[in-house]
Amino acid sequence: MIKNTPPKQPLKIVVFGATGDVGRETVIEAVARGHQVTAIARNADRLADLPDAVTCESVDVLVDLKQVGHVMAAHDVAISALRPASGSEELLVEMSKNLLDAARATNTRLYITGGAATLKLADGSGHSVLTAPDFLPDAVRPIAEACAKQDALLGHYDDVQWSCLRPPAMLFSGEKTRHYVLGTDTLIPDHDGMARISYADFGVAMVDLVEDVDIDQRRLTVGYQTQAAA
């Protein structure tokens, strides 16, 4: 999928979790397309290297609930790229709930970076990333389990305009190609069977979804499908 057509008018977008790899790339892509972007982090000093056009604010999603609502109400769209620190993975559900509650209260469209945990393997086994034997390293199981709980949480918000984009099994630092494939509930394998996408192209896909207003309450995934080198 390639999308280069700009929206009819710029959107006011707030990105929570803008210091992470996904959040940062999403901010950069949205600004490049002419949107008005506010980047949120617990410590705004960590956002100093973002483009000058970005408004940076310090907000703790776990504590500053009133401020979360104020910020969200001032924007057309909110994006969550939140990821808790290692060892605190269980906080992902509470963080996501606070954003969903604010989206409900302000009637703001919310786009959530999910996780690959609930995606089915492409081998037809019926297993998901989380349930497949020996698929996940022990080190990433805590965040995978938190992402599965985050995914289940969405079912309690049928009155919120949410969409969830779940990454493939592998996210990596790489170039922005603007070529990707969208899917729904199954990993998208590349030519070698691995499901992957760069942080930069995941950001592209997220902003593409934001510019497509007809995707409410959909769980999607994204990945590369390239040809093997000759």
Protein backbone atom coordinates (compact mmCIF):
# COMPACT_ATOMS: atom_id res chain seq x y z
CA MET A 1 0.00 0.00 0.00
CA ILE A 2 1.30 3.45 -0.92
CA LYS A 3 -0.54 6.62 0.02
CA ASN A 4 0.87 10.04 -0.76
CA THR A 5 -2.31 12.09 -1.21
CA PRO A 6 -2.52 14.73 1.54
CA PRO A 7 -5.75 15.19 3.49
CA LYS A 8 -8.11 17.97 2.43
CA GLN A 9 -7.10 19.95 5.50
CA PRO A 10 -4.48 19.49 8.21
CA LEU A 11 -5.53 17.69 11.37
CA LYS A 12 -4.64 18.58 14.93
CA ILE A 13 -2.98 15.38 16.18
CA VAL A 14 -1.67 14.57 19.64
CA VAL A 15 0.74 11.66 20.04
CA PHE A 16 1.10 10.09 23.49
CA GLY A 17 4.35 8.20 24.01
CA ALA A 18 6.28 10.31 21.52
CA THR A 19 9.71 9.41 22.92
CA GLY A 20 9.54 5.80 21.76
CA ASP A 21 10.60 4.54 18.33
CA VAL A 22 7.02 4.21 17.06
CA GLY A 23 5.86 7.49 18.57
CA ARG A 24 8.78 9.47 17.23
CA GLU A 25 8.41 8.14 13.69
CA THR A 26 4.67 8.78 13.78
CA VAL A 27 5.24 12.39 14.86
CA ILE A 28 7.83 12.95 12.12
CA GLU A 29 5.54 11.50 9.44
CA ALA A 30 2.49 13.48 10.56
CA VAL A 31 4.44 16.76 10.58
CA ALA A 32 5.90 16.03 7.15
CA ARG A 33 2.34 15.77 5.81
CA GLY A 34 1.43 19.18 7.17
CA HIS A 35 -0.55 18.18 10.26
CA GLN A 36 -0.41 20.19 13.49
CA VAL A 37 1.22 17.81 15.96
CA THR A 38 1.56 17.84 19.73
CA ALA A 39 4.03 15.33 21.17
CA ILE A 40 3.41 14.09 24.72
CA ALA A 41 5.88 12.52 27.13
CA ARG A 42 6.34 12.40 30.87
CA ASN A 43 9.49 14.46 30.35
CA ALA A 44 9.19 16.92 27.46
CA ASP A 45 12.97 17.49 27.53
CA ARG A 46 13.31 14.11 25.82
CA LEU A 47 11.39 15.51 22.83
CA ALA A 48 13.87 18.31 22.14
CA ASP A 49 15.18 16.76 18.90
CA LEU A 50 11.78 16.61 17.18
CA PRO A 51 11.06 19.05 14.31
CA ASP A 52 10.55 22.67 15.36
CA ALA A 53 6.94 22.59 14.15
CA VAL A 54 6.02 20.09 16.90
CA THR A 55 4.47 21.32 20.14
CA CYS A 56 5.93 19.37 23.06
CA GLU A 57 4.19 18.89 26.41
CA SER A 58 4.86 16.97 29.62
CA VAL A 59 1.92 14.81 30.72
CA ASP A 60 1.92 11.68 32.86
CA VAL A 61 -0.90 9.53 31.48
CA LEU A 62 -1.07 7.55 34.72
CA VAL A 63 -1.40 10.60 36.97
CA ASP A 64 -2.51 13.72 35.07
CA LEU A 65 -5.93 12.42 34.04
CA LYS A 66 -7.55 15.85 33.86
CA GLN A 67 -4.72 17.14 31.69
CA VAL A 68 -5.02 14.10 29.41
CA GLY A 69 -8.65 15.06 28.80
CA HIS A 70 -7.81 18.73 28.21
CA VAL A 71 -5.10 17.85 25.70
CA MET A 72 -7.27 15.34 23.88
CA ALA A 73 -10.22 17.77 23.67
CA ALA A 74 -7.99 20.32 21.92
CA HIS A 75 -7.16 17.92 19.06
CA ASP A 76 -9.02 16.18 16.25
CA VAL A 77 -7.18 12.90 16.69
CA ALA A 78 -5.16 11.19 19.42
CA ILE A 79 -2.54 8.49 18.81
CA SER A 80 -1.23 6.21 21.53
CA ALA A 81 2.29 4.89 21.07
CA LEU A 82 2.64 4.20 24.79
CA ARG A 83 4.94 1.49 26.11
CA PRO A 84 5.77 1.08 29.82
CA ALA A 85 9.32 0.70 31.04
CA SER A 86 10.74 -2.81 31.31
CA GLY A 87 9.50 -4.40 34.51
CA SER A 88 6.30 -2.33 34.52
CA GLU A 89 4.61 -3.89 31.49
CA GLU A 90 1.33 -4.41 33.37
CA LEU A 91 0.84 -0.61 33.40
CA LEU A 92 0.02 -0.69 29.68
CA VAL A 93 -3.60 -1.63 30.42
CA GLU A 94 -4.11 1.25 32.86
CA MET A 95 -2.44 3.71 30.50
CA SER A 96 -4.63 2.56 27.62
CA LYS A 97 -7.75 2.72 29.79
CA ASN A 98 -7.01 6.32 30.75
CA LEU A 99 -6.73 7.31 27.09
CA LEU A 100 -9.89 5.41 26.14
CA ASP A 101 -11.79 7.07 28.99
CA ALA A 102 -10.59 10.49 27.82
CA ALA A 103 -11.55 9.68 24.22
CA ARG A 104 -15.00 8.69 25.43
CA ALA A 105 -15.41 11.90 27.42
CA THR A 106 -14.17 14.17 24.63
CA ASN A 107 -15.49 12.24 21.61
CA THR A 108 -12.01 12.19 20.12
CA ARG A 109 -10.84 9.62 17.60
CA LEU A 110 -8.15 7.42 19.17
CA TYR A 111 -5.60 5.33 17.28
CA ILE A 112 -3.78 2.79 19.44
CA THR A 113 -0.48 1.05 18.82
CA GLY A 114 -1.28 -2.51 19.87
CA GLY A 115 0.91 -5.57 20.04
CA ALA A 116 1.40 -8.70 17.97
CA ALA A 117 0.41 -11.01 20.84
CA THR A 118 -3.09 -11.86 19.62
CA LEU A 119 -2.20 -12.18 15.94
CA LYS A 120 -2.44 -15.68 14.48
CA LEU A 121 0.59 -17.33 12.93
CA ALA A 122 0.45 -17.59 9.16
CA ASP A 123 1.14 -21.35 9.25
CA GLY A 124 -2.50 -22.30 9.74
CA SER A 125 -1.83 -23.84 13.14
CA GLY A 126 -4.43 -21.68 14.83
CA HIS A 127 -1.87 -20.52 17.36
CA SER A 128 -1.33 -16.85 18.11
CA VAL A 129 2.00 -15.18 18.76
CA LEU A 130 1.29 -15.52 22.49
CA THR A 131 0.09 -19.14 22.50
CA ALA A 132 2.48 -20.74 19.99
CA PRO A 133 5.02 -23.01 21.73
CA ASP A 134 8.57 -21.62 21.75
CA PHE A 135 7.65 -18.65 19.56
CA LEU A 136 8.22 -15.84 22.06
CA PRO A 137 11.46 -15.34 23.98
CA ASP A 138 10.85 -15.19 27.73
CA ALA A 139 12.16 -11.62 27.81
CA VAL A 140 9.25 -10.26 25.72
CA ARG A 141 6.47 -12.38 27.19
CA PRO A 142 5.50 -9.78 29.84
CA ILE A 143 4.83 -7.06 27.27
CA ALA A 144 3.07 -9.58 25.00
CA GLU A 145 0.73 -10.57 27.83
CA ALA A 146 0.08 -6.89 28.59
CA CYS A 147 -0.72 -6.25 24.92
CA ALA A 148 -3.22 -9.13 24.92
CA LYS A 149 -4.96 -7.55 27.91
CA GLN A 150 -4.89 -4.19 26.14
CA ASP A 151 -6.55 -5.80 23.13
CA ALA A 152 -9.29 -7.29 25.32
CA LEU A 153 -9.87 -3.89 26.94
CA LEU A 154 -10.96 -2.42 23.62
CA GLY A 155 -14.09 -4.58 23.68
CA HIS A 156 -15.40 -2.51 26.60
CA TYR A 157 -15.37 0.70 24.56
CA ASP A 158 -17.91 0.19 21.80
CA ASP A 159 -18.96 3.83 22.18
CA VAL A 160 -15.47 5.17 21.40
CA GLN A 161 -14.04 5.90 17.95
CA TRP A 162 -10.95 3.72 18.34
CA SER A 163 -8.76 1.84 15.90
CA CYS A 164 -5.85 -0.42 16.79
CA LEU A 165 -2.82 -1.01 14.59
CA ARG A 166 -0.83 -4.05 15.69
CA PRO A 167 2.79 -4.37 14.59
CA PRO A 168 4.23 -7.58 13.18
CA ALA A 169 6.49 -9.84 15.21
CA MET A 170 9.56 -7.74 14.33
CA LEU A 171 9.94 -3.95 14.40
CA PHE A 172 13.36 -2.60 13.48
CA SER A 173 15.23 0.60 12.69
CA GLY A 174 15.24 0.84 8.90
CA GLU A 175 14.43 3.00 5.93
CA LYS A 176 11.04 4.45 5.08
CA THR A 177 9.81 2.71 1.93
CA ARG A 178 6.10 3.62 2.10
CA HIS A 179 5.36 0.12 0.80
CA TYR A 180 3.43 -2.16 3.15
CA VAL A 181 0.47 -4.55 3.33
CA LEU A 182 -2.46 -4.23 5.73
CA GLY A 183 -4.04 -7.27 7.37
CA THR A 184 -6.49 -8.06 10.14
CA ASP A 185 -5.93 -10.94 12.56
CA THR A 186 -2.95 -12.84 11.09
CA LEU A 187 0.76 -12.02 10.85
CA ILE A 188 1.81 -10.88 7.39
CA PRO A 189 4.87 -12.94 6.39
CA ASP A 190 7.63 -11.49 4.25
CA HIS A 191 9.35 -13.55 1.53
CA ASP A 192 11.38 -15.42 4.14
CA GLY A 193 8.44 -16.14 6.43
CA MET A 194 9.31 -13.44 8.95
CA ALA A 195 6.71 -10.78 9.75
CA ARG A 196 8.44 -7.41 9.93
CA ILE A 197 8.28 -3.68 9.29
CA SER A 198 10.51 -0.71 10.08
CA TYR A 199 9.52 1.78 12.75
CA ALA A 200 9.46 4.42 10.01
CA ASP A 201 6.99 2.52 7.83
CA PHE A 202 4.86 1.65 10.85
CA GLY A 203 4.60 5.40 11.42
CA VAL A 204 3.58 5.84 7.78
CA ALA A 205 0.87 3.21 8.17
CA MET A 206 -0.42 4.82 11.36
CA VAL A 207 -0.75 8.25 9.76
CA ASP A 208 -2.41 6.67 6.71
CA LEU A 209 -5.04 5.23 9.06
CA VAL A 210 -5.54 8.58 10.75
CA GLU A 211 -6.25 10.14 7.37
CA ASP A 212 -8.79 7.40 6.60
CA VAL A 213 -11.86 8.22 8.70
CA ASP A 214 -13.78 5.01 7.89
CA ILE A 215 -11.97 2.53 10.13
CA ASP A 216 -13.63 2.91 13.52
CA GLN A 217 -13.31 -0.06 15.89
CA ARG A 218 -11.06 -2.13 13.67
CA ARG A 219 -8.06 -4.17 14.71
CA LEU A 220 -5.50 -4.19 11.92
CA THR A 221 -1.92 -5.24 11.39
CA VAL A 222 0.77 -4.31 8.92
CA GLY A 223 3.90 -5.81 7.40
CA TYR A 224 6.15 -6.14 4.40
CA GLN A 225 5.67 -8.58 1.55
CA THR A 226 8.74 -8.22 -0.62
CA GLN A 227 10.36 -10.46 -3.17
CA ALA A 228 13.55 -12.32 -2.29
CA ALA A 229 16.72 -10.95 -3.81
CA ALA A 230 17.81 -12.77 -6.95
